[in-house]
């Protein structure tokens, strides 16, 4: 009988520790990540590179190896949403930096909309960044 009570007590203690274990581990939430423009302006024209940084807002550290699944570049800030252009990811670069090639057909404000999956996190990072194309 005494052995049975000891076994139950040890089992209860292990279950309690297992339940409290994840609470002590600090994890980021998807809202703790954001894209930031490296340069606020680019030259208008063909095959221009727009570089963004994905960072953890709490730590300020760059986030490498995110999977970018949505990109759109249009002139929504200047009320010309229909003025969209193709965006192509450019491989390589520093960890946490993501480069995109696009043709900015005219000077003005362009909105880069991005969606990404951060490894190990639930949900997606979604940001809209405004870059200014200059002549």
C-alpha atoms as a PDB file:
ATOM      1  CA  UNK A   1       0.000   0.000   0.000  1.00  0.00           C
ATOM      2  CA  UNK A   2       2.829   2.398   0.884  1.00  0.00           C
ATOM      3  CA  UNK A   3       4.503   1.666  -2.482  1.00  0.00           C
ATOM      4  CA  UNK A   4       1.271   2.535  -4.308  1.00  0.00           C
ATOM      5  CA  UNK A   5       1.011   5.949  -2.572  1.00  0.00           C
ATOM      6  CA  UNK A   6       4.651   6.751  -3.345  1.00  0.00           C
ATOM      7  CA  UNK A   7       4.137   5.873  -7.001  1.00  0.00           C
ATOM      8  CA  UNK A   8       1.063   8.085  -7.167  1.00  0.00           C
ATOM      9  CA  UNK A   9       2.889  10.977  -5.492  1.00  0.00           C
ATOM     10  CA  UNK A  10       5.846  10.712  -7.891  1.00  0.00           C
ATOM     11  CA  UNK A  11       3.480  10.507 -10.889  1.00  0.00           C
ATOM     12  CA  UNK A  12       1.566  13.567  -9.708  1.00  0.00           C
ATOM     13  CA  UNK A  13       4.797  15.500  -9.210  1.00  0.00           C
ATOM     14  CA  UNK A  14       6.036  14.603 -12.705  1.00  0.00           C
ATOM     15  CA  UNK A  15       2.738  15.614 -14.276  1.00  0.00           C
ATOM     16  CA  UNK A  16       2.826  18.917 -12.390  1.00  0.00           C
ATOM     17  CA  UNK A  17       6.387  19.642 -13.549  1.00  0.00           C
ATOM     18  CA  UNK A  18       5.467  18.765 -17.126  1.00  0.00           C
ATOM     19  CA  UNK A  19       2.547  21.171 -17.030  1.00  0.00           C
ATOM     20  CA  UNK A  20       4.606  24.016 -15.542  1.00  0.00           C
ATOM     21  CA  UNK A  21       7.636  23.455 -17.775  1.00  0.00           C
ATOM     22  CA  UNK A  22       6.351  25.308 -20.849  1.00  0.00           C
ATOM     23  CA  UNK A  23       5.171  28.251 -18.737  1.00  0.00           C
ATOM     24  CA  UNK A  24       8.730  29.023 -17.699  1.00  0.00           C
ATOM     25  CA  UNK A  25       9.966  29.097 -21.292  1.00  0.00           C
ATOM     26  CA  UNK A  26       9.671  32.551 -22.849  1.00  0.00           C
ATOM     27  CA  UNK A  27       8.639  32.337 -26.488  1.00  0.00           C
ATOM     28  CA  UNK A  28       8.063  35.083 -28.965  1.00  0.00           C
ATOM     29  CA  UNK A  29       4.648  35.620 -30.460  1.00  0.00           C
ATOM     30  CA  UNK A  30       4.058  36.341 -34.138  1.00  0.00           C
ATOM     31  CA  UNK A  31       3.194  39.967 -33.255  1.00  0.00           C
ATOM     32  CA  UNK A  32       6.770  40.326 -31.952  1.00  0.00           C
ATOM     33  CA  UNK A  33       8.151  40.225 -35.512  1.00  0.00           C
ATOM     34  CA  UNK A  34       8.156  42.917 -38.162  1.00  0.00           C
ATOM     35  CA  UNK A  35       9.663  43.793 -41.500  1.00  0.00           C
ATOM     36  CA  UNK A  36      11.625  47.037 -41.770  1.00  0.00           C
ATOM     37  CA  UNK A  37      12.900  48.789 -44.878  1.00  0.00           C
ATOM     38  CA  UNK A  38      16.679  49.036 -45.057  1.00  0.00           C
ATOM     39  CA  UNK A  39      16.402  52.069 -47.381  1.00  0.00           C
ATOM     40  CA  UNK A  40      13.320  54.299 -47.471  1.00  0.00           C
ATOM     41  CA  UNK A  41      14.008  55.399 -51.064  1.00  0.00           C
ATOM     42  CA  UNK A  42      15.084  53.733 -54.319  1.00  0.00           C
ATOM     43  CA  UNK A  43      15.548  54.985 -57.851  1.00  0.00           C
ATOM     44  CA  UNK A  44      12.614  54.539 -60.225  1.00  0.00           C
ATOM     45  CA  UNK A  45      13.317  52.190 -63.115  1.00  0.00           C
ATOM     46  CA  UNK A  46      13.765  48.563 -64.090  1.00  0.00           C
ATOM     47  CA  UNK A  47      15.240  45.831 -61.903  1.00  0.00           C
ATOM     48  CA  UNK A  48      15.593  47.877 -58.721  1.00  0.00           C
ATOM     49  CA  UNK A  49      16.419  46.100 -55.454  1.00  0.00           C
ATOM     50  CA  UNK A  50      14.351  46.694 -52.315  1.00  0.00           C
ATOM     51  CA  UNK A  51      15.919  45.286 -49.145  1.00  0.00           C
ATOM     52  CA  UNK A  52      13.973  44.584 -45.966  1.00  0.00           C
ATOM     53  CA  UNK A  53      15.000  43.275 -42.579  1.00  0.00           C
ATOM     54  CA  UNK A  54      12.875  40.885 -40.516  1.00  0.00           C
ATOM     55  CA  UNK A  55      13.449  41.503 -36.814  1.00  0.00           C
ATOM     56  CA  UNK A  56      12.220  40.311 -33.472  1.00  0.00           C
ATOM     57  CA  UNK A  57      10.935  43.561 -31.920  1.00  0.00           C
ATOM     58  CA  UNK A  58      11.619  42.400 -28.350  1.00  0.00           C
ATOM     59  CA  UNK A  59      15.259  41.484 -28.927  1.00  0.00           C
ATOM     60  CA  UNK A  60      16.074  43.658 -31.940  1.00  0.00           C
ATOM     61  CA  UNK A  61      17.785  40.668 -33.541  1.00  0.00           C
ATOM     62  CA  UNK A  62      17.393  39.771 -37.228  1.00  0.00           C
ATOM     63  CA  UNK A  63      15.331  36.685 -38.052  1.00  0.00           C
ATOM     64  CA  UNK A  64      16.909  34.404 -40.670  1.00  0.00           C
ATOM     65  CA  UNK A  65      15.269  31.633 -42.702  1.00  0.00           C
ATOM     66  CA  UNK A  66      11.724  33.007 -42.787  1.00  0.00           C
ATOM     67  CA  UNK A  67       9.592  31.701 -45.622  1.00  0.00           C
ATOM     68  CA  UNK A  68       8.201  34.597 -47.648  1.00  0.00           C
ATOM     69  CA  UNK A  69       4.916  33.411 -49.132  1.00  0.00           C
ATOM     70  CA  UNK A  70       3.258  36.667 -50.216  1.00  0.00           C
ATOM     71  CA  UNK A  71       4.610  39.736 -51.977  1.00  0.00           C
ATOM     72  CA  UNK A  72       2.871  42.619 -53.687  1.00  0.00           C
ATOM     73  CA  UNK A  73       4.160  45.994 -54.788  1.00  0.00           C
ATOM     74  CA  UNK A  74       1.715  48.708 -55.835  1.00  0.00           C
ATOM     75  CA  UNK A  75       1.135  52.436 -55.591  1.00  0.00           C
ATOM     76  CA  UNK A  76      -1.661  52.247 -53.001  1.00  0.00           C
ATOM     77  CA  UNK A  77      -0.187  55.123 -50.923  1.00  0.00           C
ATOM     78  CA  UNK A  78      -0.763  57.422 -53.919  1.00  0.00           C
ATOM     79  CA  UNK A  79      -4.318  56.046 -54.494  1.00  0.00           C
ATOM     80  CA  UNK A  80      -3.228  53.940 -57.480  1.00  0.00           C
ATOM     81  CA  UNK A  81      -3.687  50.366 -56.237  1.00  0.00           C
ATOM     82  CA  UNK A  82      -4.108  49.203 -59.837  1.00  0.00           C
ATOM     83  CA  UNK A  83      -0.527  50.338 -60.561  1.00  0.00           C
ATOM     84  CA  UNK A  84       1.120  47.083 -59.453  1.00  0.00           C
ATOM     85  CA  UNK A  85       4.356  45.484 -60.548  1.00  0.00           C
ATOM     86  CA  UNK A  86       5.925  42.050 -60.365  1.00  0.00           C
ATOM     87  CA  UNK A  87       8.148  41.335 -57.358  1.00  0.00           C
ATOM     88  CA  UNK A  88      10.858  38.655 -57.418  1.00  0.00           C
ATOM     89  CA  UNK A  89      12.832  37.434 -54.416  1.00  0.00           C
ATOM     90  CA  UNK A  90      16.605  37.729 -54.820  1.00  0.00           C
ATOM     91  CA  UNK A  91      18.521  34.875 -53.138  1.00  0.00           C
ATOM     92  CA  UNK A  92      21.519  35.338 -50.885  1.00  0.00           C
ATOM     93  CA  UNK A  93      22.529  38.090 -48.537  1.00  0.00           C
ATOM     94  CA  UNK A  94      22.964  38.432 -44.824  1.00  0.00           C
ATOM     95  CA  UNK A  95      20.809  36.423 -42.399  1.00  0.00           C
ATOM     96  CA  UNK A  96      17.654  38.357 -41.624  1.00  0.00           C
ATOM     97  CA  UNK A  97      17.843  40.477 -44.787  1.00  0.00           C
ATOM     98  CA  UNK A  98      15.468  39.781 -47.665  1.00  0.00           C
ATOM     99  CA  UNK A  99      15.902  41.351 -51.104  1.00  0.00           C
ATOM    100  CA  UNK A 100      13.335  41.817 -53.834  1.00  0.00           C
ATOM    101  CA  UNK A 101      13.742  42.912 -57.423  1.00  0.00           C
ATOM    102  CA  UNK A 102      11.015  44.975 -59.085  1.00  0.00           C
ATOM    103  CA  UNK A 103      10.433  47.499 -61.824  1.00  0.00           C
ATOM    104  CA  UNK A 104       9.269  50.798 -60.377  1.00  0.00           C
ATOM    105  CA  UNK A 105       7.692  52.342 -63.459  1.00  0.00           C
ATOM    106  CA  UNK A 106       7.321  55.839 -62.059  1.00  0.00           C
ATOM    107  CA  UNK A 107       8.391  58.038 -59.185  1.00  0.00           C
ATOM    108  CA  UNK A 108       6.131  58.064 -56.160  1.00  0.00           C
ATOM    109  CA  UNK A 109       5.233  56.029 -53.097  1.00  0.00           C
ATOM    110  CA  UNK A 110       5.067  52.264 -53.513  1.00  0.00           C
ATOM    111  CA  UNK A 111       3.623  49.867 -50.938  1.00  0.00           C
ATOM    112  CA  UNK A 112       5.435  46.574 -50.453  1.00  0.00           C
ATOM    113  CA  UNK A 113       3.093  44.051 -48.835  1.00  0.00           C
ATOM    114  CA  UNK A 114       4.807  41.005 -47.348  1.00  0.00           C
ATOM    115  CA  UNK A 115       3.651  37.808 -45.695  1.00  0.00           C
ATOM    116  CA  UNK A 116       6.087  35.400 -44.071  1.00  0.00           C
ATOM    117  CA  UNK A 117       6.225  32.329 -41.887  1.00  0.00           C
ATOM    118  CA  UNK A 118       8.798  32.414 -39.092  1.00  0.00           C
ATOM    119  CA  UNK A 119      10.299  29.037 -38.270  1.00  0.00           C
ATOM    120  CA  UNK A 120       8.830  27.601 -35.064  1.00  0.00           C
ATOM    121  CA  UNK A 121       6.044  30.173 -34.746  1.00  0.00           C
ATOM    122  CA  UNK A 122       2.319  29.845 -35.301  1.00  0.00           C
ATOM    123  CA  UNK A 123       0.735  32.363 -37.647  1.00  0.00           C
ATOM    124  CA  UNK A 124       2.239  34.709 -40.191  1.00  0.00           C
ATOM    125  CA  UNK A 125       4.046  38.030 -40.129  1.00  0.00           C
ATOM    126  CA  UNK A 126       2.257  40.516 -42.371  1.00  0.00           C
ATOM    127  CA  UNK A 127       3.510  44.039 -43.005  1.00  0.00           C
ATOM    128  CA  UNK A 128       2.933  46.845 -45.493  1.00  0.00           C
ATOM    129  CA  UNK A 129       5.959  49.048 -46.032  1.00  0.00           C
ATOM    130  CA  UNK A 130       6.070  52.270 -48.045  1.00  0.00           C
ATOM    131  CA  UNK A 131       9.146  52.896 -50.167  1.00  0.00           C
ATOM    132  CA  UNK A 132       9.593  56.058 -52.222  1.00  0.00           C
ATOM    133  CA  UNK A 133      10.804  55.791 -55.810  1.00  0.00           C
ATOM    134  CA  UNK A 134      12.734  58.845 -57.006  1.00  0.00           C
ATOM    135  CA  UNK A 135      13.727  59.882 -60.504  1.00  0.00           C
END
